Amino acid sequence: MGYADMIRNDANPTDIKEYLISGDQAAITIRIPDTLRDAAKEAAALKGTSLSAYIRECLIEELTNGR
């Protein structure tokens, strides 16, 4: 069962989070404005975390609660 199936079956947010964090690590490249990157780095630093961890956290939050 994939993410879309979980959404269609109205899975609870905890199950979706567990699914999203259970996979192997994958490297990606994205193109964003440097001002957005810099702001995200600053936001991550304010939370005491890395940019990568901050982005993962934001994605997981959006994919579990932003349905």
PDB file of N, CA and C in Angstrom:
ATOM      1  N   MET A   1       0.855  -1.181   0.000  1.00  0.00           N
ATOM      2  CA  MET A   1       0.000   0.000   0.000  1.00  0.00           C
ATOM      3  C   MET A   1       0.891   1.231   0.000  1.00  0.00           C
ATOM      4  N   GLY A   2       0.623   2.165  -0.892  1.00  0.00           N
ATOM      5  CA  GLY A   2       1.387   3.403  -0.985  1.00  0.00           C
ATOM      6  C   GLY A   2       0.671   4.554  -0.304  1.00  0.00           C
ATOM      7  N   TYR A   3       1.263   5.741  -0.395  1.00  0.00           N
ATOM      8  CA  TYR A   3       0.712   6.931   0.239  1.00  0.00           C
ATOM      9  C   TYR A   3      -0.700   7.235  -0.244  1.00  0.00           C
ATOM     10  N   ALA A   4      -0.900   7.218  -1.570  1.00  0.00           N
ATOM     11  CA  ALA A   4      -2.223   7.540  -2.116  1.00  0.00           C
ATOM     12  C   ALA A   4      -3.271   6.547  -1.626  1.00  0.00           C
ATOM     13  N   ASP A   5      -2.895   5.274  -1.527  1.00  0.00           N
ATOM     14  CA  ASP A   5      -3.831   4.271  -1.012  1.00  0.00           C
ATOM     15  C   ASP A   5      -4.191   4.561   0.444  1.00  0.00           C
ATOM     16  N   MET A   6      -3.196   4.980   1.219  1.00  0.00           N
ATOM     17  CA  MET A   6      -3.464   5.296   2.624  1.00  0.00           C
ATOM     18  C   MET A   6      -4.443   6.458   2.730  1.00  0.00           C
ATOM     19  N   ILE A   7      -4.285   7.460   1.876  1.00  0.00           N
ATOM     20  CA  ILE A   7      -5.188   8.608   1.892  1.00  0.00           C
ATOM     21  C   ILE A   7      -6.596   8.171   1.485  1.00  0.00           C
ATOM     22  N   ARG A   8      -6.671   7.376   0.416  1.00  0.00           N
ATOM     23  CA  ARG A   8      -7.986   6.891  -0.038  1.00  0.00           C
ATOM     24  C   ARG A   8      -8.693   6.064   1.031  1.00  0.00           C
ATOM     25  N   ASN A   9      -7.914   5.311   1.820  1.00  0.00           N
ATOM     26  CA  ASN A   9      -8.487   4.457   2.860  1.00  0.00           C
ATOM     27  C   ASN A   9      -8.621   5.173   4.195  1.00  0.00           C
ATOM     28  N   ASP A  10      -8.377   6.494   4.194  1.00  0.00           N
ATOM     29  CA  ASP A  10      -8.523   7.330   5.402  1.00  0.00           C
ATOM     30  C   ASP A  10      -7.682   6.822   6.574  1.00  0.00           C
ATOM     31  N   ALA A  11      -6.411   6.501   6.289  1.00  0.00           N
ATOM     32  CA  ALA A  11      -5.489   6.066   7.345  1.00  0.00           C
ATOM     33  C   ALA A  11      -5.279   7.197   8.345  1.00  0.00           C
ATOM     34  N   ASN A  12      -4.976   6.845   9.578  1.00  0.00           N
ATOM     35  CA  ASN A  12      -4.755   7.894  10.573  1.00  0.00           C
ATOM     36  C   ASN A  12      -3.362   8.501  10.393  1.00  0.00           C
ATOM     37  N   PRO A  13      -3.163   9.736  10.846  1.00  0.00           N
ATOM     38  CA  PRO A  13      -1.890  10.436  10.651  1.00  0.00           C
ATOM     39  C   PRO A  13      -0.678   9.688  11.196  1.00  0.00           C
ATOM     40  N   THR A  14      -0.833   8.972  12.289  1.00  0.00           N
ATOM     41  CA  THR A  14       0.292   8.224  12.857  1.00  0.00           C
ATOM     42  C   THR A  14       0.752   7.133  11.902  1.00  0.00           C
ATOM     43  N   ASP A  15      -0.185   6.395  11.317  1.00  0.00           N
ATOM     44  CA  ASP A  15       0.173   5.354  10.355  1.00  0.00           C
ATOM     45  C   ASP A  15       0.845   5.952   9.120  1.00  0.00           C
ATOM     46  N   ILE A  16       0.362   7.104   8.685  1.00  0.00           N
ATOM     47  CA  ILE A  16       0.959   7.756   7.515  1.00  0.00           C
ATOM     48  C   ILE A  16       2.384   8.200   7.838  1.00  0.00           C
ATOM     49  N   LYS A  17       2.597   8.797   9.012  1.00  0.00           N
ATOM     50  CA  LYS A  17       3.945   9.213   9.409  1.00  0.00           C
ATOM     51  C   LYS A  17       4.882   8.024   9.465  1.00  0.00           C
ATOM     52  N   GLU A  18       4.434   6.929  10.044  1.00  0.00           N
ATOM     53  CA  GLU A  18       5.270   5.727  10.121  1.00  0.00           C
ATOM     54  C   GLU A  18       5.646   5.246   8.725  1.00  0.00           C
ATOM     55  N   TYR A  19       4.705   5.284   7.803  1.00  0.00           N
ATOM     56  CA  TYR A  19       4.982   4.891   6.424  1.00  0.00           C
ATOM     57  C   TYR A  19       6.018   5.819   5.792  1.00  0.00           C
ATOM     58  N   LEU A  20       5.846   7.117   5.977  1.00  0.00           N
ATOM     59  CA  LEU A  20       6.722   8.094   5.327  1.00  0.00           C
ATOM     60  C   LEU A  20       8.161   8.026   5.822  1.00  0.00           C
ATOM     61  N   ILE A  21       8.382   7.674   7.078  1.00  0.00           N
ATOM     62  CA  ILE A  21       9.746   7.640   7.609  1.00  0.00           C
ATOM     63  C   ILE A  21      10.390   6.262   7.504  1.00  0.00           C
ATOM     64  N   SER A  22       9.658   5.266   7.001  1.00  0.00           N
ATOM     65  CA  SER A  22      10.171   3.898   7.004  1.00  0.00           C
ATOM     66  C   SER A  22      11.070   3.565   5.820  1.00  0.00           C
ATOM     67  N   GLY A  23      11.124   4.392   4.807  1.00  0.00           N
ATOM     68  CA  GLY A  23      11.889   4.070   3.607  1.00  0.00           C
ATOM     69  C   GLY A  23      13.375   4.346   3.741  1.00  0.00           C
ATOM     70  N   ASP A  24      14.117   3.914   2.727  1.00  0.00           N
ATOM     71  CA  ASP A  24      15.548   4.198   2.652  1.00  0.00           C
ATOM     72  C   ASP A  24      15.756   5.668   2.291  1.00  0.00           C
ATOM     73  N   GLN A  25      16.935   6.184   2.591  1.00  0.00           N
ATOM     74  CA  GLN A  25      17.286   7.553   2.251  1.00  0.00           C
ATOM     75  C   GLN A  25      17.513   7.662   0.741  1.00  0.00           C
ATOM     76  N   ALA A  26      17.087   8.757   0.147  1.00  0.00           N
ATOM     77  CA  ALA A  26      17.283   9.022  -1.277  1.00  0.00           C
ATOM     78  C   ALA A  26      17.749  10.458  -1.441  1.00  0.00           C
ATOM     79  N   ALA A  27      18.768  10.655  -2.254  1.00  0.00           N
ATOM     80  CA  ALA A  27      19.264  12.001  -2.533  1.00  0.00           C
ATOM     81  C   ALA A  27      18.413  12.612  -3.645  1.00  0.00           C
ATOM     82  N   ILE A  28      18.092  13.906  -3.493  1.00  0.00           N
ATOM     83  CA  ILE A  28      17.325  14.615  -4.523  1.00  0.00           C
ATOM     84  C   ILE A  28      17.971  15.969  -4.780  1.00  0.00           C
ATOM     85  N   THR A  29      17.679  16.521  -5.922  1.00  0.00           N
ATOM     86  CA  THR A  29      18.106  17.880  -6.251  1.00  0.00           C
ATOM     87  C   THR A  29      16.863  18.671  -6.600  1.00  0.00           C
ATOM     88  N   ILE A  30      16.718  19.838  -5.988  1.00  0.00           N
ATOM     89  CA  ILE A  30      15.593  20.713  -6.311  1.00  0.00           C
ATOM     90  C   ILE A  30      16.136  22.099  -6.614  1.00  0.00           C
ATOM     91  N   ARG A  31      15.412  22.828  -7.389  1.00  0.00           N
ATOM     92  CA  ARG A  31      15.784  24.205  -7.716  1.00  0.00           C
ATOM     93  C   ARG A  31      14.772  25.138  -7.048  1.00  0.00           C
ATOM     94  N   ILE A  32      15.287  25.979  -6.155  1.00  0.00           N
ATOM     95  CA  ILE A  32      14.453  26.963  -5.470  1.00  0.00           C
ATOM     96  C   ILE A  32      15.220  28.288  -5.442  1.00  0.00           C
ATOM     97  N   PRO A  33      14.523  29.387  -5.279  1.00  0.00           N
ATOM     98  CA  PRO A  33      15.228  30.676  -5.181  1.00  0.00           C
ATOM     99  C   PRO A  33      16.179  30.676  -3.983  1.00  0.00           C
ATOM    100  N   ASP A  34      17.309  31.338  -4.132  1.00  0.00           N
ATOM    101  CA  ASP A  34      18.280  31.363  -3.045  1.00  0.00           C
ATOM    102  C   ASP A  34      17.717  32.029  -1.792  1.00  0.00           C
ATOM    103  N   THR A  35      16.811  32.972  -1.976  1.00  0.00           N
ATOM    104  CA  THR A  35      16.210  33.614  -0.800  1.00  0.00           C
ATOM    105  C   THR A  35      15.353  32.628  -0.004  1.00  0.00           C
ATOM    106  N   LEU A  36      14.658  31.725  -0.707  1.00  0.00           N
ATOM    107  CA  LEU A  36      13.866  30.695  -0.028  1.00  0.00           C
ATOM    108  C   LEU A  36      14.783  29.716   0.687  1.00  0.00           C
ATOM    109  N   ARG A  37      15.872  29.307   0.025  1.00  0.00           N
ATOM    110  CA  ARG A  37      16.840  28.412   0.656  1.00  0.00           C
ATOM    111  C   ARG A  37      17.430  29.046   1.913  1.00  0.00           C
ATOM    112  N   ASP A  38      17.846  30.299   1.805  1.00  0.00           N
ATOM    113  CA  ASP A  38      18.452  30.980   2.948  1.00  0.00           C
ATOM    114  C   ASP A  38      17.467  31.129   4.101  1.00  0.00           C
ATOM    115  N   ALA A  39      16.210  31.465   3.783  1.00  0.00           N
ATOM    116  CA  ALA A  39      15.192  31.585   4.833  1.00  0.00           C
ATOM    117  C   ALA A  39      14.949  30.235   5.496  1.00  0.00           C
ATOM    118  N   ALA A  40      14.924  29.169   4.713  1.00  0.00           N
ATOM    119  CA  ALA A  40      14.718  27.830   5.276  1.00  0.00           C
ATOM    120  C   ALA A  40      15.898  27.422   6.154  1.00  0.00           C
ATOM    121  N   LYS A  41      17.114  27.774   5.747  1.00  0.00           N
ATOM    122  CA  LYS A  41      18.292  27.490   6.574  1.00  0.00           C
ATOM    123  C   LYS A  41      18.189  28.226   7.915  1.00  0.00           C
ATOM    124  N   GLU A  42      17.760  29.487   7.858  1.00  0.00           N
ATOM    125  CA  GLU A  42      17.613  30.268   9.092  1.00  0.00           C
ATOM    126  C   GLU A  42      16.531  29.672   9.990  1.00  0.00           C
ATOM    127  N   ALA A  43      15.409  29.264   9.397  1.00  0.00           N
ATOM    128  CA  ALA A  43      14.324  28.655  10.176  1.00  0.00           C
ATOM    129  C   ALA A  43      14.798  27.358  10.813  1.00  0.00           C
ATOM    130  N   ALA A  44      15.566  26.567  10.066  1.00  0.00           N
ATOM    131  CA  ALA A  44      16.103  25.315  10.610  1.00  0.00           C
ATOM    132  C   ALA A  44      17.051  25.603  11.769  1.00  0.00           C
ATOM    133  N   ALA A  45      17.916  26.596  11.593  1.00  0.00           N
ATOM    134  CA  ALA A  45      18.865  26.950  12.656  1.00  0.00           C
ATOM    135  C   ALA A  45      18.138  27.401  13.910  1.00  0.00           C
ATOM    136  N   LEU A  46      17.063  28.166  13.747  1.00  0.00           N
ATOM    137  CA  LEU A  46      16.286  28.617  14.909  1.00  0.00           C
ATOM    138  C   LEU A  46      15.682  27.445  15.666  1.00  0.00           C
ATOM    139  N   LYS A  47      15.389  26.347  14.948  1.00  0.00           N
ATOM    140  CA  LYS A  47      14.857  25.146  15.592  1.00  0.00           C
ATOM    141  C   LYS A  47      15.969  24.199  16.052  1.00  0.00           C
ATOM    142  N   GLY A  48      17.217  24.566  15.767  1.00  0.00           N
ATOM    143  CA  GLY A  48      18.349  23.741  16.170  1.00  0.00           C
ATOM    144  C   GLY A  48      18.492  22.471  15.342  1.00  0.00           C
ATOM    145  N   THR A  49      18.136  22.543  14.066  1.00  0.00           N
ATOM    146  CA  THR A  49      18.190  21.365  13.211  1.00  0.00           C
ATOM    147  C   THR A  49      18.829  21.716  11.867  1.00  0.00           C
ATOM    148  N   SER A  50      19.073  20.713  11.066  1.00  0.00           N
ATOM    149  CA  SER A  50      19.661  20.932   9.746  1.00  0.00           C
ATOM    150  C   SER A  50      18.577  21.283   8.734  1.00  0.00           C
ATOM    151  N   LEU A  51      19.006  21.815   7.596  1.00  0.00           N
ATOM    152  CA  LEU A  51      18.065  22.133   6.529  1.00  0.00           C
ATOM    153  C   LEU A  51      17.365  20.866   6.039  1.00  0.00           C
ATOM    154  N   SER A  52      18.106  19.794   5.860  1.00  0.00           N
ATOM    155  CA  SER A  52      17.500  18.539   5.398  1.00  0.00           C
ATOM    156  C   SER A  52      16.441  18.025   6.368  1.00  0.00           C
ATOM    157  N   ALA A  53      16.752  18.040   7.654  1.00  0.00           N
ATOM    158  CA  ALA A  53      15.788  17.577   8.653  1.00  0.00           C
ATOM    159  C   ALA A  53      14.564  18.484   8.685  1.00  0.00           C
ATOM    160  N   TYR A  54      14.783  19.780   8.530  1.00  0.00           N
ATOM    161  CA  TYR A  54      13.678  20.734   8.519  1.00  0.00           C
ATOM    162  C   TYR A  54      12.754  20.483   7.326  1.00  0.00           C
ATOM    163  N   ILE A  55      13.335  20.259   6.167  1.00  0.00           N
ATOM    164  CA  ILE A  55      12.531  19.988   4.974  1.00  0.00           C
ATOM    165  C   ILE A  55      11.759  18.684   5.134  1.00  0.00           C
ATOM    166  N   ARG A  56      12.412  17.645   5.657  1.00  0.00           N
ATOM    167  CA  ARG A  56      11.699  16.375   5.908  1.00  0.00           C
ATOM    168  C   ARG A  56      10.532  16.597   6.855  1.00  0.00           C
ATOM    169  N   GLU A  57      10.763  17.351   7.921  1.00  0.00           N
ATOM    170  CA  GLU A  57       9.710  17.638   8.894  1.00  0.00           C
ATOM    171  C   GLU A  57       8.531  18.364   8.246  1.00  0.00           C
ATOM    172  N   CYS A  58       8.843  19.353   7.412  1.00  0.00           N
ATOM    173  CA  CYS A  58       7.784  20.109   6.723  1.00  0.00           C
ATOM    174  C   CYS A  58       6.998  19.212   5.775  1.00  0.00           C
ATOM    175  N   LEU A  59       7.687  18.370   5.028  1.00  0.00           N
ATOM    176  CA  LEU A  59       7.009  17.459   4.102  1.00  0.00           C
ATOM    177  C   LEU A  59       6.118  16.473   4.836  1.00  0.00           C
ATOM    178  N   ILE A  60       6.635  15.905   5.903  1.00  0.00           N
ATOM    179  CA  ILE A  60       5.847  14.940   6.672  1.00  0.00           C
ATOM    180  C   ILE A  60       4.614  15.619   7.258  1.00  0.00           C
ATOM    181  N   GLU A  61       4.779  16.819   7.784  1.00  0.00           N
ATOM    182  CA  GLU A  61       3.648  17.558   8.345  1.00  0.00           C
ATOM    183  C   GLU A  61       2.587  17.815   7.268  1.00  0.00           C
ATOM    184  N   GLU A  62       3.028  18.262   6.102  1.00  0.00           N
ATOM    185  CA  GLU A  62       2.098  18.555   5.009  1.00  0.00           C
ATOM    186  C   GLU A  62       1.402  17.284   4.506  1.00  0.00           C
ATOM    187  N   LEU A  63       2.156  16.199   4.403  1.00  0.00           N
ATOM    188  CA  LEU A  63       1.584  14.961   3.872  1.00  0.00           C
ATOM    189  C   LEU A  63       0.679  14.227   4.867  1.00  0.00           C
ATOM    190  N   THR A  64       0.814  14.525   6.149  1.00  0.00           N
ATOM    191  CA  THR A  64      -0.055  13.880   7.138  1.00  0.00           C
ATOM    192  C   THR A  64      -1.256  14.738   7.528  1.00  0.00           C
ATOM    193  N   ASN A  65      -1.056  16.051   7.600  1.00  0.00           N
ATOM    194  CA  ASN A  65      -2.147  16.911   8.069  1.00  0.00           C
ATOM    195  C   ASN A  65      -2.729  17.796   6.978  1.00  0.00           C
ATOM    196  N   GLY A  66      -2.005  17.967   5.888  1.00  0.00           N
ATOM    197  CA  GLY A  66      -2.438  18.888   4.846  1.00  0.00           C
ATOM    198  C   GLY A  66      -3.284  18.216   3.767  1.00  0.00           C
ATOM    199  N   ARG A  67      -3.888  17.098   4.109  1.00  0.00           N
ATOM    200  CA  ARG A  67      -4.659  16.359   3.111  1.00  0.00           C
ATOM    201  C   ARG A  67      -5.862  17.156   2.799  1.00  0.00           C
TER     202      ARG A  67
END
